[in-house]
C-alpha cells in the first residue's frame, strides 16, 4: 500500500473551483491535530476527485479507502485467516496502519457503523493506535490525513461524531455557467492527454500540471514545518473563543479547531503570526457543523449573514 501509484488521475492544480474543499484538505495536512475533514454534499460535486488528486500530489499514492462494511479487525488489524487455519498466528495490518503516512478516505461515512467511526476518530486525534483484542495487545504511532464524505440526504452522523471532525465543507454543484464550462473543458483536455499517454506519447498538458503540483506540495510541506513557528496572540485566541460562543458551538473543541485552522492558514500564506483575517478565513470550516441547529438536522446552512457576522466580530464591531 505504500507503493507509488502509476494511475493517472486529474492533477490537483487542474481542479477548477471547490476552493473550500482544497483549503480544508490543505489545512488538515498542515495541522494534523485538526482531526480530519468532512465533505458533505450530493454526488457528482467533485469530492472524490479532489481527495484522490490531493493524496496523489502529497503522498504519491491514492488514499487508503475504508469500505462501508469494514469490520473492526479490518480497521485496526487482526490475524491472517489463512494462517490461522493452519494453526499459525500471523498478525495482519489493519487499514489504519496501511494509511499511516498517507490519507485515509471514508466514502459515505454516515453509513458506517458508529463504533468504527469512533475508533477511527480516536486514532486520528491521538496519533496512537491502541489494540487490545483477540490475544493482541499493542500501541503504535499512526498518522494520516482523514477525509470522510457524506450525502446528508441519506442520513447524518450522530452529533458526538460530527463534532469530532475538525473541519467540514458543505459541497455544492457549481451553478455559474462560465465556471462549469471551465470544469468541462478541463475534463475534456485531460481525457485527450490520457489518450496520448496510452499510445506511448508524452503530454505537455499533464507534465505542466504535475510541475505545478510539485510546487504546491513544497509550499504545503514548508507550511507544515513552520506551523509551530507561527505565533497566536492572546487577542486572536480570545476572538476564537468569542466566535465559538457567538455561533453556539457546543463544548470547547470549536475554540481549539478555529485557532488550529487559523494558525495553519497563517503558515500557508507565510505569515509570522495569526491575525483576525486568518481567523475569518477558516471560521466557516470550523464552526458550521457545530451549531445546535445543524447537530439536530444534519443540514449545514451557512449564510452570507453569517460571514458578515464573523467579519464584524473580527473588526471589533
C-alpha atoms as a PDB file:
ATOM      1  CA  UNK A   1       0.000   0.000   0.000  1.00  0.00           C
ATOM      2  CA  UNK A   2       2.992   2.309   0.285  1.00  0.00           C
ATOM      3  CA  UNK A   3       3.997   1.936  -3.322  1.00  0.00           C
ATOM      4  CA  UNK A   4       3.937   4.935  -5.601  1.00  0.00           C
ATOM      5  CA  UNK A   5       0.916   4.641  -7.874  1.00  0.00           C
ATOM      6  CA  UNK A   6       1.201   4.939 -11.628  1.00  0.00           C
ATOM      7  CA  UNK A   7      -2.533   5.503 -12.086  1.00  0.00           C
ATOM      8  CA  UNK A   8      -3.133   8.781 -13.878  1.00  0.00           C
ATOM      9  CA  UNK A   9      -5.749  10.948 -12.234  1.00  0.00           C
ATOM     10  CA  UNK A  10      -6.539  14.611 -12.678  1.00  0.00           C
ATOM     11  CA  UNK A  11      -3.666  16.634 -11.139  1.00  0.00           C
ATOM     12  CA  UNK A  12      -4.667  18.637  -8.090  1.00  0.00           C
ATOM     13  CA  UNK A  13      -3.756  22.028  -9.528  1.00  0.00           C
ATOM     14  CA  UNK A  14      -6.035  21.433 -12.519  1.00  0.00           C
ATOM     15  CA  UNK A  15      -9.164  21.165 -10.371  1.00  0.00           C
ATOM     16  CA  UNK A  16     -11.450  24.110 -11.130  1.00  0.00           C
ATOM     17  CA  UNK A  17     -13.339  25.723  -8.257  1.00  0.00           C
ATOM     18  CA  UNK A  18     -14.152  23.954  -4.953  1.00  0.00           C
ATOM     19  CA  UNK A  19     -11.832  26.295  -3.075  1.00  0.00           C
ATOM     20  CA  UNK A  20     -13.284  25.339   0.314  1.00  0.00           C
ATOM     21  CA  UNK A  21     -12.521  21.651  -0.273  1.00  0.00           C
ATOM     22  CA  UNK A  22      -8.963  22.477  -1.252  1.00  0.00           C
ATOM     23  CA  UNK A  23      -8.469  24.789   1.707  1.00  0.00           C
ATOM     24  CA  UNK A  24      -9.810  22.235   4.196  1.00  0.00           C
ATOM     25  CA  UNK A  25      -7.577  19.462   2.835  1.00  0.00           C
ATOM     26  CA  UNK A  26      -4.527  21.702   2.936  1.00  0.00           C
ATOM     27  CA  UNK A  27      -5.180  22.952   6.469  1.00  0.00           C
ATOM     28  CA  UNK A  28      -5.695  19.400   7.747  1.00  0.00           C
ATOM     29  CA  UNK A  29      -2.348  18.424   6.223  1.00  0.00           C
ATOM     30  CA  UNK A  30      -0.512  21.411   7.698  1.00  0.00           C
ATOM     31  CA  UNK A  31      -2.025  20.844  11.160  1.00  0.00           C
ATOM     32  CA  UNK A  32      -2.746  17.108  11.668  1.00  0.00           C
ATOM     33  CA  UNK A  33      -4.261  17.775  15.094  1.00  0.00           C
ATOM     34  CA  UNK A  34      -7.215  19.399  13.352  1.00  0.00           C
ATOM     35  CA  UNK A  35      -8.530  15.850  13.247  1.00  0.00           C
ATOM     36  CA  UNK A  36      -9.889  15.301   9.785  1.00  0.00           C
ATOM     37  CA  UNK A  37     -12.182  16.809   7.176  1.00  0.00           C
ATOM     38  CA  UNK A  38     -15.823  16.018   6.467  1.00  0.00           C
ATOM     39  CA  UNK A  39     -17.173  16.786   2.985  1.00  0.00           C
ATOM     40  CA  UNK A  40     -20.966  16.912   2.927  1.00  0.00           C
ATOM     41  CA  UNK A  41     -22.852  17.180  -0.338  1.00  0.00           C
ATOM     42  CA  UNK A  42     -24.587  15.477  -3.211  1.00  0.00           C
ATOM     43  CA  UNK A  43     -22.912  13.076  -5.603  1.00  0.00           C
ATOM     44  CA  UNK A  44     -21.101  14.402  -8.656  1.00  0.00           C
ATOM     45  CA  UNK A  45     -19.706  17.523  -6.992  1.00  0.00           C
ATOM     46  CA  UNK A  46     -16.020  16.592  -7.228  1.00  0.00           C
ATOM     47  CA  UNK A  47     -15.468  15.415  -3.651  1.00  0.00           C
ATOM     48  CA  UNK A  48     -13.734  12.144  -4.500  1.00  0.00           C
ATOM     49  CA  UNK A  49     -11.802  13.705  -7.376  1.00  0.00           C
ATOM     50  CA  UNK A  50     -10.341  16.392  -5.127  1.00  0.00           C
ATOM     51  CA  UNK A  51      -9.430  13.922  -2.364  1.00  0.00           C
ATOM     52  CA  UNK A  52      -7.678  11.497  -4.716  1.00  0.00           C
ATOM     53  CA  UNK A  53      -5.836  14.291  -6.505  1.00  0.00           C
ATOM     54  CA  UNK A  54      -4.656  15.722  -3.176  1.00  0.00           C
ATOM     55  CA  UNK A  55      -3.447  12.314  -1.959  1.00  0.00           C
ATOM     56  CA  UNK A  56      -1.620  11.705  -5.227  1.00  0.00           C
ATOM     57  CA  UNK A  57       0.084  15.091  -5.012  1.00  0.00           C
ATOM     58  CA  UNK A  58       1.112  14.930  -1.348  1.00  0.00           C
ATOM     59  CA  UNK A  59       1.759  11.211  -0.829  1.00  0.00           C
ATOM     60  CA  UNK A  60       2.355   9.937  -4.388  1.00  0.00           C
ATOM     61  CA  UNK A  61      -0.272   7.271  -3.864  1.00  0.00           C
ATOM     62  CA  UNK A  62      -4.031   7.052  -3.816  1.00  0.00           C
ATOM     63  CA  UNK A  63      -5.789   7.178  -0.455  1.00  0.00           C
ATOM     64  CA  UNK A  64      -6.491   4.057   1.559  1.00  0.00           C
ATOM     65  CA  UNK A  65     -10.247   3.681   1.196  1.00  0.00           C
ATOM     66  CA  UNK A  66     -12.291   2.238   4.032  1.00  0.00           C
ATOM     67  CA  UNK A  67     -15.388   0.362   2.813  1.00  0.00           C
ATOM     68  CA  UNK A  68     -18.796   0.853   4.402  1.00  0.00           C
ATOM     69  CA  UNK A  69     -18.926  -2.768   5.572  1.00  0.00           C
ATOM     70  CA  UNK A  70     -15.475  -2.668   7.226  1.00  0.00           C
ATOM     71  CA  UNK A  71     -15.202  -4.731  10.413  1.00  0.00           C
ATOM     72  CA  UNK A  72     -13.172  -3.798  13.471  1.00  0.00           C
ATOM     73  CA  UNK A  73     -10.419  -6.321  12.726  1.00  0.00           C
ATOM     74  CA  UNK A  74     -10.099  -4.962   9.168  1.00  0.00           C
ATOM     75  CA  UNK A  75      -9.782  -1.433  10.560  1.00  0.00           C
ATOM     76  CA  UNK A  76      -7.384  -1.936  13.479  1.00  0.00           C
ATOM     77  CA  UNK A  77      -5.762  -5.233  12.446  1.00  0.00           C
ATOM     78  CA  UNK A  78      -6.210  -8.866  13.331  1.00  0.00           C
ATOM     79  CA  UNK A  79      -4.931 -12.281  12.361  1.00  0.00           C
ATOM     80  CA  UNK A  80      -4.425 -13.677   8.885  1.00  0.00           C
ATOM     81  CA  UNK A  81      -7.254 -16.169   8.399  1.00  0.00           C
ATOM     82  CA  UNK A  82      -5.309 -18.434   6.038  1.00  0.00           C
ATOM     83  CA  UNK A  83      -2.536 -18.823   8.612  1.00  0.00           C
ATOM     84  CA  UNK A  84      -4.960 -19.390  11.490  1.00  0.00           C
ATOM     85  CA  UNK A  85      -6.468 -22.298   9.589  1.00  0.00           C
ATOM     86  CA  UNK A  86      -3.021 -23.856   9.722  1.00  0.00           C
ATOM     87  CA  UNK A  87      -2.729 -23.160  13.460  1.00  0.00           C
ATOM     88  CA  UNK A  88      -0.355 -20.261  12.893  1.00  0.00           C
ATOM     89  CA  UNK A  89      -0.938 -16.849  14.462  1.00  0.00           C
ATOM     90  CA  UNK A  90       0.302 -14.256  11.964  1.00  0.00           C
ATOM     91  CA  UNK A  91      -0.768 -10.608  12.543  1.00  0.00           C
ATOM     92  CA  UNK A  92      -2.360  -8.696   9.684  1.00  0.00           C
ATOM     93  CA  UNK A  93      -2.226  -4.919   9.462  1.00  0.00           C
ATOM     94  CA  UNK A  94      -5.479  -3.014   9.534  1.00  0.00           C
ATOM     95  CA  UNK A  95      -6.475  -0.176   7.236  1.00  0.00           C
ATOM     96  CA  UNK A  96      -5.385   2.449   9.771  1.00  0.00           C
ATOM     97  CA  UNK A  97      -1.815   1.162   9.684  1.00  0.00           C
ATOM     98  CA  UNK A  98      -1.933   0.904   5.910  1.00  0.00           C
ATOM     99  CA  UNK A  99      -2.939   4.569   5.774  1.00  0.00           C
ATOM    100  CA  UNK A 100      -0.041   5.602   8.029  1.00  0.00           C
ATOM    101  CA  UNK A 101       1.851   8.473   6.426  1.00  0.00           C
ATOM    102  CA  UNK A 102      -0.896   8.959   3.842  1.00  0.00           C
ATOM    103  CA  UNK A 103      -4.586   9.724   3.525  1.00  0.00           C
ATOM    104  CA  UNK A 104      -7.480   7.642   4.873  1.00  0.00           C
ATOM    105  CA  UNK A 105     -10.659   8.118   2.857  1.00  0.00           C
ATOM    106  CA  UNK A 106     -14.123   7.093   4.055  1.00  0.00           C
ATOM    107  CA  UNK A 107     -16.828   7.465   1.422  1.00  0.00           C
ATOM    108  CA  UNK A 108     -20.356   7.779   2.855  1.00  0.00           C
ATOM    109  CA  UNK A 109     -19.038   7.870   6.411  1.00  0.00           C
ATOM    110  CA  UNK A 110     -22.584   8.465   7.670  1.00  0.00           C
ATOM    111  CA  UNK A 111     -23.454   4.896   6.647  1.00  0.00           C
ATOM    112  CA  UNK A 112     -20.537   3.377   8.577  1.00  0.00           C
ATOM    113  CA  UNK A 113     -21.080   1.767  11.971  1.00  0.00           C
ATOM    114  CA  UNK A 114     -20.751   4.400  14.725  1.00  0.00           C
ATOM    115  CA  UNK A 115     -18.372   2.178  16.698  1.00  0.00           C
ATOM    116  CA  UNK A 116     -15.953   2.005  13.757  1.00  0.00           C
ATOM    117  CA  UNK A 117     -16.154   5.758  13.159  1.00  0.00           C
ATOM    118  CA  UNK A 118     -15.377   6.351  16.828  1.00  0.00           C
ATOM    119  CA  UNK A 119     -12.267   4.145  16.665  1.00  0.00           C
ATOM    120  CA  UNK A 120     -11.005   5.984  13.587  1.00  0.00           C
ATOM    121  CA  UNK A 121     -11.583   9.409  15.117  1.00  0.00           C
ATOM    122  CA  UNK A 122      -9.803   8.344  18.328  1.00  0.00           C
ATOM    123  CA  UNK A 123      -6.687   7.336  16.393  1.00  0.00           C
ATOM    124  CA  UNK A 124      -6.900  10.469  14.241  1.00  0.00           C
ATOM    125  CA  UNK A 125      -6.925  12.787  17.255  1.00  0.00           C
ATOM    126  CA  UNK A 126      -4.323  10.946  19.369  1.00  0.00           C
ATOM    127  CA  UNK A 127      -1.963   9.677  16.682  1.00  0.00           C
ATOM    128  CA  UNK A 128      -1.818   6.351  18.525  1.00  0.00           C
ATOM    129  CA  UNK A 129      -3.413   3.045  17.547  1.00  0.00           C
ATOM    130  CA  UNK A 130      -4.260   1.014  20.669  1.00  0.00           C
ATOM    131  CA  UNK A 131      -5.283  -2.606  20.128  1.00  0.00           C
ATOM    132  CA  UNK A 132      -6.367  -4.959  22.890  1.00  0.00           C
ATOM    133  CA  UNK A 133      -8.420  -7.738  21.367  1.00  0.00           C
ATOM    134  CA  UNK A 134      -8.247 -11.384  20.307  1.00  0.00           C
ATOM    135  CA  UNK A 135      -4.939 -12.019  22.033  1.00  0.00           C
ATOM    136  CA  UNK A 136      -3.284  -8.887  20.641  1.00  0.00           C
ATOM    137  CA  UNK A 137      -2.118  -6.024  22.825  1.00  0.00           C
ATOM    138  CA  UNK A 138      -0.028  -3.191  21.409  1.00  0.00           C
ATOM    139  CA  UNK A 139       0.262   0.531  20.800  1.00  0.00           C
ATOM    140  CA  UNK A 140       1.614   2.022  17.583  1.00  0.00           C
ATOM    141  CA  UNK A 141       2.080   5.600  16.397  1.00  0.00           C
ATOM    142  CA  UNK A 142      -0.180   6.141  13.392  1.00  0.00           C
ATOM    143  CA  UNK A 143      -0.608   9.396  11.494  1.00  0.00           C
ATOM    144  CA  UNK A 144      -2.762  10.071   8.471  1.00  0.00           C
ATOM    145  CA  UNK A 145      -4.988  12.741   6.974  1.00  0.00           C
ATOM    146  CA  UNK A 146      -8.606  11.667   7.498  1.00  0.00           C
ATOM    147  CA  UNK A 147     -11.263  12.649   4.969  1.00  0.00           C
ATOM    148  CA  UNK A 148     -14.869  11.490   5.107  1.00  0.00           C
ATOM    149  CA  UNK A 149     -17.677  12.224   2.681  1.00  0.00           C
ATOM    150  CA  UNK A 150     -21.416  12.019   3.163  1.00  0.00           C
ATOM    151  CA  UNK A 151     -24.674  12.800   1.416  1.00  0.00           C
ATOM    152  CA  UNK A 152     -26.947  14.347   4.074  1.00  0.00           C
ATOM    153  CA  UNK A 153     -29.997  13.155   2.137  1.00  0.00           C
ATOM    154  CA  UNK A 154     -29.014   9.590   3.096  1.00  0.00           C
ATOM    155  CA  UNK A 155     -28.804  10.284   6.830  1.00  0.00           C
ATOM    156  CA  UNK A 156     -26.379  12.022   9.108  1.00  0.00           C
ATOM    157  CA  UNK A 157     -23.764  11.398  11.754  1.00  0.00           C
ATOM    158  CA  UNK A 158     -24.506  11.384  15.440  1.00  0.00           C
ATOM    159  CA  UNK A 159     -23.699  14.824  16.952  1.00  0.00           C
ATOM    160  CA  UNK A 160     -20.854  13.350  19.020  1.00  0.00           C
ATOM    161  CA  UNK A 161     -19.134  12.073  15.866  1.00  0.00           C
ATOM    162  CA  UNK A 162     -19.930  15.106  13.731  1.00  0.00           C
ATOM    163  CA  UNK A 163     -18.271  17.383  16.277  1.00  0.00           C
ATOM    164  CA  UNK A 164     -15.075  15.337  16.241  1.00  0.00           C
ATOM    165  CA  UNK A 165     -14.359  16.091  12.596  1.00  0.00           C
ATOM    166  CA  UNK A 166     -12.144  19.159  12.753  1.00  0.00           C
ATOM    167  CA  UNK A 167     -13.333  20.874   9.574  1.00  0.00           C
ATOM    168  CA  UNK A 168     -16.466  20.499   7.497  1.00  0.00           C
ATOM    169  CA  UNK A 169     -17.194  21.640   3.952  1.00  0.00           C
ATOM    170  CA  UNK A 170     -20.722  21.892   2.586  1.00  0.00           C
ATOM    171  CA  UNK A 171     -20.148  20.967  -1.053  1.00  0.00           C
ATOM    172  CA  UNK A 172     -22.499  22.201  -3.750  1.00  0.00           C
ATOM    173  CA  UNK A 173     -22.548  21.769  -7.506  1.00  0.00           C
ATOM    174  CA  UNK A 174     -21.158  24.758  -9.377  1.00  0.00           C
ATOM    175  CA  UNK A 175     -24.012  26.840 -10.832  1.00  0.00           C
ATOM    176  CA  UNK A 176     -22.020  29.529 -12.614  1.00  0.00           C
ATOM    177  CA  UNK A 177     -22.104  28.810 -16.354  1.00  0.00           C
ATOM    178  CA  UNK A 178     -18.591  30.097 -17.037  1.00  0.00           C
ATOM    179  CA  UNK A 179     -17.146  28.056 -14.164  1.00  0.00           C
ATOM    180  CA  UNK A 180     -18.963  24.914 -15.287  1.00  0.00           C
ATOM    181  CA  UNK A 181     -17.651  25.424 -18.794  1.00  0.00           C
ATOM    182  CA  UNK A 182     -14.100  25.601 -17.420  1.00  0.00           C
ATOM    183  CA  UNK A 183     -14.681  22.375 -15.497  1.00  0.00           C
ATOM    184  CA  UNK A 184     -15.932  20.646 -18.642  1.00  0.00           C
ATOM    185  CA  UNK A 185     -13.031  21.935 -20.740  1.00  0.00           C
ATOM    186  CA  UNK A 186     -10.540  20.724 -18.137  1.00  0.00           C
ATOM    187  CA  UNK A 187     -12.028  17.221 -18.115  1.00  0.00           C
ATOM    188  CA  UNK A 188     -12.072  17.058 -21.915  1.00  0.00           C
ATOM    189  CA  UNK A 189      -8.447  18.222 -22.158  1.00  0.00           C
ATOM    190  CA  UNK A 190      -7.406  15.721 -19.508  1.00  0.00           C
ATOM    191  CA  UNK A 191      -9.147  12.891 -21.378  1.00  0.00           C
ATOM    192  CA  UNK A 192      -7.282  13.892 -24.528  1.00  0.00           C
ATOM    193  CA  UNK A 193      -3.976  13.967 -22.641  1.00  0.00           C
ATOM    194  CA  UNK A 194      -4.632  10.483 -21.239  1.00  0.00           C
ATOM    195  CA  UNK A 195      -5.234   9.156 -24.745  1.00  0.00           C
ATOM    196  CA  UNK A 196      -1.769  10.414 -25.709  1.00  0.00           C
ATOM    197  CA  UNK A 197      -0.176   8.600 -22.778  1.00  0.00           C
ATOM    198  CA  UNK A 198      -1.951   5.353 -23.647  1.00  0.00           C
ATOM    199  CA  UNK A 199      -0.277   5.240 -27.066  1.00  0.00           C
ATOM    200  CA  UNK A 200       3.154   5.984 -25.617  1.00  0.00           C
ATOM    201  CA  UNK A 201       3.239   9.705 -26.324  1.00  0.00           C
ATOM    202  CA  UNK A 202       4.090  12.389 -23.808  1.00  0.00           C
ATOM    203  CA  UNK A 203       1.641  15.037 -22.702  1.00  0.00           C
ATOM    204  CA  UNK A 204       2.860  18.580 -22.171  1.00  0.00           C
ATOM    205  CA  UNK A 205      -0.528  19.344 -20.596  1.00  0.00           C
ATOM    206  CA  UNK A 206      -0.092  16.759 -17.830  1.00  0.00           C
ATOM    207  CA  UNK A 207       3.622  17.394 -17.363  1.00  0.00           C
ATOM    208  CA  UNK A 208       2.992  21.094 -16.810  1.00  0.00           C
ATOM    209  CA  UNK A 209       0.242  20.344 -14.303  1.00  0.00           C
ATOM    210  CA  UNK A 210       2.459  17.886 -12.408  1.00  0.00           C
ATOM    211  CA  UNK A 211       5.157  20.546 -12.117  1.00  0.00           C
ATOM    212  CA  UNK A 212       2.579  22.877 -10.584  1.00  0.00           C
ATOM    213  CA  UNK A 213       1.595  20.068  -8.204  1.00  0.00           C
ATOM    214  CA  UNK A 214       5.228  19.739  -7.086  1.00  0.00           C
ATOM    215  CA  UNK A 215       5.402  23.443  -6.294  1.00  0.00           C
ATOM    216  CA  UNK A 216       2.156  23.282  -4.346  1.00  0.00           C
ATOM    217  CA  UNK A 217       3.370  20.247  -2.424  1.00  0.00           C
ATOM    218  CA  UNK A 218       6.596  22.044  -1.496  1.00  0.00           C
ATOM    219  CA  UNK A 219       4.575  25.043  -0.286  1.00  0.00           C
ATOM    220  CA  UNK A 220       2.381  22.850   1.926  1.00  0.00           C
ATOM    221  CA  UNK A 221       5.353  20.946   3.327  1.00  0.00           C
ATOM    222  CA  UNK A 222       7.040  24.227   4.227  1.00  0.00           C
ATOM    223  CA  UNK A 223       3.864  25.461   5.921  1.00  0.00           C
ATOM    224  CA  UNK A 224       3.641  22.242   7.938  1.00  0.00           C
ATOM    225  CA  UNK A 225       7.248  22.610   9.068  1.00  0.00           C
ATOM    226  CA  UNK A 226       6.677  26.244  10.077  1.00  0.00           C
ATOM    227  CA  UNK A 227       3.324  25.662  11.769  1.00  0.00           C
ATOM    228  CA  UNK A 228       4.540  25.995  15.357  1.00  0.00           C
ATOM    229  CA  UNK A 229       6.709  28.987  14.490  1.00  0.00           C
ATOM    230  CA  UNK A 230       3.560  30.998  13.824  1.00  0.00           C
ATOM    231  CA  UNK A 231       2.516  32.902  16.934  1.00  0.00           C
ATOM    232  CA  UNK A 232      -1.060  33.148  18.158  1.00  0.00           C
ATOM    233  CA  UNK A 233      -1.597  36.469  20.008  1.00  0.00           C
ATOM    234  CA  UNK A 234      -3.811  36.373  23.082  1.00  0.00           C
ATOM    235  CA  UNK A 235      -6.209  38.833  21.448  1.00  0.00           C
ATOM    236  CA  UNK A 236      -6.691  36.468  18.500  1.00  0.00           C
ATOM    237  CA  UNK A 237      -7.157  33.455  20.785  1.00  0.00           C
ATOM    238  CA  UNK A 238      -9.805  35.440  22.644  1.00  0.00           C
ATOM    239  CA  UNK A 239     -11.607  36.131  19.375  1.00  0.00           C
ATOM    240  CA  UNK A 240     -11.600  32.415  18.553  1.00  0.00           C
ATOM    241  CA  UNK A 241     -13.458  31.817  21.809  1.00  0.00           C
ATOM    242  CA  UNK A 242     -15.869  34.701  21.145  1.00  0.00           C
ATOM    243  CA  UNK A 243     -16.701  33.293  17.715  1.00  0.00           C
ATOM    244  CA  UNK A 244     -17.413  29.825  19.107  1.00  0.00           C
ATOM    245  CA  UNK A 245     -19.687  31.326  21.756  1.00  0.00           C
ATOM    246  CA  UNK A 246     -21.450  33.607  19.264  1.00  0.00           C
ATOM    247  CA  UNK A 247     -22.297  30.668  16.994  1.00  0.00           C
ATOM    248  CA  UNK A 248     -23.328  28.487  19.959  1.00  0.00           C
ATOM    249  CA  UNK A 249     -20.705  25.817  19.270  1.00  0.00           C
ATOM    250  CA  UNK A 250     -21.173  23.096  21.866  1.00  0.00           C
ATOM    251  CA  UNK A 251     -18.183  22.327  24.103  1.00  0.00           C
ATOM    252  CA  UNK A 252     -14.670  23.734  23.776  1.00  0.00           C
ATOM    253  CA  UNK A 253     -13.477  21.832  20.719  1.00  0.00           C
ATOM    254  CA  UNK A 254     -14.621  24.599  18.370  1.00  0.00           C
ATOM    255  CA  UNK A 255     -12.369  27.179  20.053  1.00  0.00           C
ATOM    256  CA  UNK A 256      -9.350  24.942  19.598  1.00  0.00           C
ATOM    257  CA  UNK A 257     -10.102  23.999  15.994  1.00  0.00           C
ATOM    258  CA  UNK A 258     -10.597  27.628  14.934  1.00  0.00           C
ATOM    259  CA  UNK A 259      -7.229  28.503  16.439  1.00  0.00           C
ATOM    260  CA  UNK A 260      -5.504  25.493  14.844  1.00  0.00           C
ATOM    261  CA  UNK A 261      -7.004  26.180  11.427  1.00  0.00           C
ATOM    262  CA  UNK A 262      -6.211  29.894  11.592  1.00  0.00           C
ATOM    263  CA  UNK A 263      -2.630  29.089  12.546  1.00  0.00           C
ATOM    264  CA  UNK A 264      -2.385  26.631   9.661  1.00  0.00           C
ATOM    265  CA  UNK A 265      -3.778  29.244   7.284  1.00  0.00           C
ATOM    266  CA  UNK A 266      -1.248  31.785   8.519  1.00  0.00           C
ATOM    267  CA  UNK A 267       1.533  29.260   7.914  1.00  0.00           C
ATOM    268  CA  UNK A 268       0.126  28.599   4.433  1.00  0.00           C
ATOM    269  CA  UNK A 269       0.369  32.286   3.488  1.00  0.00           C
ATOM    270  CA  UNK A 270       3.788  32.561   5.181  1.00  0.00           C
ATOM    271  CA  UNK A 271       2.676  34.923   7.954  1.00  0.00           C
ATOM    272  CA  UNK A 272       4.624  35.239  11.190  1.00  0.00           C
ATOM    273  CA  UNK A 273       1.575  35.400  13.426  1.00  0.00           C
ATOM    274  CA  UNK A 274      -2.147  34.753  13.250  1.00  0.00           C
ATOM    275  CA  UNK A 275      -4.420  37.729  12.587  1.00  0.00           C
ATOM    276  CA  UNK A 276      -8.160  38.222  12.747  1.00  0.00           C
ATOM    277  CA  UNK A 277      -8.261  37.981   8.948  1.00  0.00           C
ATOM    278  CA  UNK A 278      -6.827  34.462   9.148  1.00  0.00           C
ATOM    279  CA  UNK A 279      -9.485  33.530  11.696  1.00  0.00           C
ATOM    280  CA  UNK A 280     -12.227  34.878   9.427  1.00  0.00           C
ATOM    281  CA  UNK A 281     -10.965  32.739   6.532  1.00  0.00           C
ATOM    282  CA  UNK A 282     -11.423  29.477   8.472  1.00  0.00           C
ATOM    283  CA  UNK A 283     -14.401  30.262  10.709  1.00  0.00           C
ATOM    284  CA  UNK A 284     -16.958  28.638   8.435  1.00  0.00           C
ATOM    285  CA  UNK A 285     -14.949  25.423   8.082  1.00  0.00           C
ATOM    286  CA  UNK A 286     -14.539  25.098  11.835  1.00  0.00           C
ATOM    287  CA  UNK A 287     -17.972  26.203  13.057  1.00  0.00           C
ATOM    288  CA  UNK A 288     -20.773  25.387  10.644  1.00  0.00           C
ATOM    289  CA  UNK A 289     -21.159  21.757  11.785  1.00  0.00           C
ATOM    290  CA  UNK A 290     -21.001  22.618  15.490  1.00  0.00           C
ATOM    291  CA  UNK A 291     -24.103  24.791  15.662  1.00  0.00           C
ATOM    292  CA  UNK A 292     -27.073  23.325  17.589  1.00  0.00           C
ATOM    293  CA  UNK A 293     -29.477  23.537  14.638  1.00  0.00           C
ATOM    294  CA  UNK A 294     -27.011  21.569  12.490  1.00  0.00           C
ATOM    295  CA  UNK A 295     -26.472  18.886  15.115  1.00  0.00           C
ATOM    296  CA  UNK A 296     -30.232  18.373  15.214  1.00  0.00           C
ATOM    297  CA  UNK A 297     -30.961  18.346  11.472  1.00  0.00           C
ATOM    298  CA  UNK A 298     -27.690  17.278   9.778  1.00  0.00           C
ATOM    299  CA  UNK A 299     -28.129  20.181   7.345  1.00  0.00           C
ATOM    300  CA  UNK A 300     -25.171  22.551   7.058  1.00  0.00           C
ATOM    301  CA  UNK A 301     -26.538  26.044   6.437  1.00  0.00           C
ATOM    302  CA  UNK A 302     -24.092  28.927   6.413  1.00  0.00           C
ATOM    303  CA  UNK A 303     -25.326  32.215   5.024  1.00  0.00           C
ATOM    304  CA  UNK A 304     -23.835  35.460   3.777  1.00  0.00           C
ATOM    305  CA  UNK A 305     -25.167  36.960   7.002  1.00  0.00           C
ATOM    306  CA  UNK A 306     -23.001  34.502   8.952  1.00  0.00           C
ATOM    307  CA  UNK A 307     -19.937  35.654   7.017  1.00  0.00           C
ATOM    308  CA  UNK A 308     -20.870  39.269   7.740  1.00  0.00           C
ATOM    309  CA  UNK A 309     -21.253  38.457  11.431  1.00  0.00           C
ATOM    310  CA  UNK A 310     -17.782  36.905  11.500  1.00  0.00           C
ATOM    311  CA  UNK A 311     -16.227  39.938   9.823  1.00  0.00           C
ATOM    312  CA  UNK A 312     -17.973  42.346  12.223  1.00  0.00           C
ATOM    313  CA  UNK A 313     -16.657  40.419  15.214  1.00  0.00           C
ATOM    314  CA  UNK A 314     -13.144  40.291  13.797  1.00  0.00           C
ATOM    315  CA  UNK A 315     -13.310  44.050  13.205  1.00  0.00           C
ATOM    316  CA  UNK A 316     -14.403  44.647  16.796  1.00  0.00           C
ATOM    317  CA  UNK A 317     -17.922  45.762  15.930  1.00  0.00           C
END
